[in-house]
Amino acid sequence: MVNLPDAYLVEIGKIAVQWTNLETVFELCLINVAGLNANEPRAWAIFAHMTFPQRLDVFGAMIDSLQDDYPRLQDYKAVRSIISEAQDGRNKVVHARWLYEDGKATITRLTARGKVKHSTVPITVDELRRIAELIGKASIELWKLVVVSQETLRNG
């Protein structure tokens, strides 16, 4: 069992909460872009069991089909980049094997796609804080992309 100091646990908790917020914002944006009503349970059911990458693919296809009517959606690629970076940061933390020795935390990531590979790197509380902030930024940028685009169209 790894006994991480509370400062690490607090930031890991922030990452978890920020990620949940991002997923909620993402689902609301998907529902919005699909032209559905968020008060209708069926709208939520459509996306409930999709993986995050599937949601990104669906969202990208919807954005592509709407760009003529919503020119602001052209900013999607920049927002997608922030979301992908946030996802990488979250995955780095959530899917890591943690070790804390001699006052230093390290994480090990393992992949087995054709060949088993692992990498062990140090991680700091500040790095965890930056990941949580990046995930929060991704939520805000995604929301602005969808809401501002729709408001611009409605208000001419």
Protein backbone atom coordinates (compact mmCIF):
# COMPACT_ATOMS: atom_id res chain seq x y z
CA MET A 1 0.00 0.00 0.00
CA VAL A 2 1.28 3.43 -0.94
CA ASN A 3 0.92 6.12 1.69
CA LEU A 4 0.97 9.36 -0.25
CA PRO A 5 1.08 12.61 1.70
CA ASP A 6 -2.21 14.49 1.96
CA ALA A 7 -1.01 17.20 -0.45
CA TYR A 8 -0.85 14.57 -3.22
CA LEU A 9 -4.20 13.07 -2.29
CA VAL A 10 -5.87 16.49 -2.33
CA GLU A 11 -4.63 17.21 -5.86
CA ILE A 12 -5.55 13.71 -7.09
CA GLY A 13 -9.03 14.32 -5.67
CA LYS A 14 -9.21 17.65 -7.53
CA ILE A 15 -8.27 15.86 -10.74
CA ALA A 16 -11.07 13.33 -10.17
CA VAL A 17 -13.65 16.05 -9.49
CA GLN A 18 -12.51 18.24 -12.38
CA TRP A 19 -12.69 15.22 -14.69
CA THR A 20 -16.25 14.48 -13.59
CA ASN A 21 -17.12 18.12 -14.24
CA LEU A 22 -15.55 17.93 -17.70
CA GLU A 23 -17.55 14.81 -18.51
CA THR A 24 -20.77 16.53 -17.39
CA VAL A 25 -20.03 19.65 -19.44
CA PHE A 26 -19.13 17.45 -22.38
CA GLU A 27 -22.41 15.54 -22.15
CA LEU A 28 -24.37 18.80 -21.89
CA CYS A 29 -22.55 20.13 -24.95
CA LEU A 30 -23.20 16.92 -26.88
CA ILE A 31 -26.89 17.13 -26.00
CA ASN A 32 -26.93 20.79 -26.99
CA VAL A 33 -25.13 20.31 -30.30
CA ALA A 34 -27.37 17.34 -31.11
CA GLY A 35 -30.37 19.66 -30.70
CA LEU A 36 -31.78 17.64 -27.82
CA ASN A 37 -33.27 18.82 -24.52
CA ALA A 38 -31.14 18.23 -21.43
CA ASN A 39 -34.33 17.91 -19.37
CA GLU A 40 -35.28 14.81 -21.34
CA PRO A 41 -33.78 11.60 -19.89
CA ARG A 42 -33.46 10.08 -23.37
CA ALA A 43 -30.93 12.77 -24.28
CA TRP A 44 -28.66 11.62 -21.45
CA ALA A 45 -29.17 7.95 -22.27
CA ILE A 46 -27.64 8.38 -25.72
CA PHE A 47 -24.22 9.26 -24.34
CA ALA A 48 -24.28 7.50 -20.96
CA HIS A 49 -22.32 4.41 -21.95
CA MET A 50 -19.99 5.90 -24.54
CA THR A 51 -16.32 5.97 -23.76
CA PHE A 52 -14.69 9.38 -23.68
CA PRO A 53 -12.93 8.78 -27.04
CA GLN A 54 -16.27 7.78 -28.59
CA ARG A 55 -17.84 10.99 -27.28
CA LEU A 56 -14.97 12.97 -28.82
CA ASP A 57 -15.53 11.28 -32.18
CA VAL A 58 -19.29 11.88 -32.10
CA PHE A 59 -18.80 15.49 -31.03
CA GLY A 60 -16.25 16.08 -33.79
CA ALA A 61 -18.64 14.70 -36.41
CA MET A 62 -21.46 16.90 -35.10
CA ILE A 63 -19.22 19.97 -35.08
CA ASP A 64 -18.11 19.25 -38.64
CA SER A 65 -21.70 19.05 -39.85
CA LEU A 66 -22.67 22.31 -38.11
CA GLN A 67 -19.74 24.57 -39.01
CA ASP A 68 -21.54 26.29 -41.89
CA ASP A 69 -24.28 27.52 -39.52
CA TYR A 70 -22.00 28.09 -36.52
CA PRO A 71 -18.75 29.68 -37.80
CA ARG A 72 -17.40 29.99 -34.24
CA LEU A 73 -17.20 26.20 -34.11
CA GLN A 74 -14.06 26.47 -36.22
CA ASP A 75 -12.31 26.91 -32.85
CA TYR A 76 -13.12 23.26 -32.18
CA LYS A 77 -9.65 22.00 -33.09
CA ALA A 78 -8.01 24.25 -30.48
CA VAL A 79 -10.53 23.16 -27.86
CA ARG A 80 -10.09 19.51 -28.86
CA SER A 81 -6.36 19.91 -28.33
CA ILE A 82 -6.92 21.22 -24.78
CA ILE A 83 -9.36 18.37 -24.08
CA SER A 84 -6.86 15.79 -25.37
CA GLU A 85 -4.08 17.26 -23.24
CA ALA A 86 -6.40 17.21 -20.21
CA GLN A 87 -7.31 13.59 -20.94
CA ASP A 88 -3.63 12.64 -21.19
CA GLY A 89 -2.94 14.31 -17.85
CA ARG A 90 -5.88 12.61 -16.17
CA ASN A 91 -4.91 9.22 -17.57
CA LYS A 92 -1.32 9.72 -16.47
CA VAL A 93 -2.54 10.07 -12.89
CA VAL A 94 -5.48 7.68 -12.76
CA HIS A 95 -3.87 4.77 -14.58
CA ALA A 96 -0.50 4.97 -12.85
CA ARG A 97 1.14 2.74 -10.31
CA TRP A 98 2.21 4.99 -7.46
CA LEU A 99 5.28 4.80 -5.27
CA TYR A 100 6.35 7.16 -2.50
CA GLU A 101 9.84 6.74 -1.07
CA ASP A 102 12.34 9.08 0.51
CA GLY A 103 9.97 12.04 0.20
CA LYS A 104 9.43 11.62 -3.56
CA ALA A 105 6.48 10.31 -5.52
CA THR A 106 6.89 8.42 -8.77
CA ILE A 107 4.37 6.96 -11.15
CA THR A 108 4.83 3.98 -13.40
CA ARG A 109 2.78 3.52 -16.52
CA LEU A 110 2.52 0.19 -18.25
CA THR A 111 1.46 -0.50 -21.83
CA ALA A 112 1.21 -3.84 -23.60
CA ARG A 113 0.33 -3.05 -27.20
CA GLY A 114 2.40 -5.63 -29.02
CA LYS A 115 5.20 -5.25 -26.51
CA VAL A 116 5.25 -4.68 -22.77
CA LYS A 117 6.68 -1.26 -21.97
CA HIS A 118 6.85 0.68 -18.77
CA SER A 119 8.12 4.07 -17.73
CA THR A 120 8.67 5.47 -14.27
CA VAL A 121 8.82 9.21 -13.74
CA PRO A 122 8.72 11.50 -10.72
CA ILE A 123 5.56 13.53 -10.17
CA THR A 124 5.08 16.57 -7.95
CA VAL A 125 2.13 18.16 -6.22
CA ASP A 126 2.55 21.16 -8.53
CA GLU A 127 2.30 18.93 -11.59
CA LEU A 128 -0.90 17.39 -10.23
CA ARG A 129 -2.25 20.89 -9.57
CA ARG A 130 -1.50 21.90 -13.18
CA ILE A 131 -3.33 18.83 -14.48
CA ALA A 132 -6.41 19.66 -12.39
CA GLU A 133 -6.30 23.26 -13.66
CA LEU A 134 -5.93 22.08 -17.26
CA ILE A 135 -8.98 19.83 -16.94
CA GLY A 136 -10.92 22.79 -15.52
CA LYS A 137 -9.76 24.95 -18.43
CA ALA A 138 -10.89 22.27 -20.90
CA SER A 139 -14.40 22.37 -19.37
CA ILE A 140 -14.57 26.15 -19.65
CA GLU A 141 -13.27 26.27 -23.22
CA LEU A 142 -15.66 23.52 -24.32
CA TRP A 143 -18.62 25.30 -22.74
CA LYS A 144 -17.64 28.63 -24.31
CA LEU A 145 -17.27 26.98 -27.70
CA VAL A 146 -20.78 25.55 -27.68
CA VAL A 147 -22.68 28.24 -25.76
CA VAL A 148 -21.06 31.24 -27.48
CA SER A 149 -21.61 29.63 -30.88
CA GLN A 150 -25.29 29.06 -30.18
CA GLU A 151 -25.78 32.54 -28.67
CA THR A 152 -24.11 34.14 -31.69
CA LEU A 153 -26.48 32.33 -34.05
CA ARG A 154 -29.59 33.18 -32.02
CA ASN A 155 -28.70 36.85 -31.62
CA GLY A 156 -27.56 37.35 -35.16
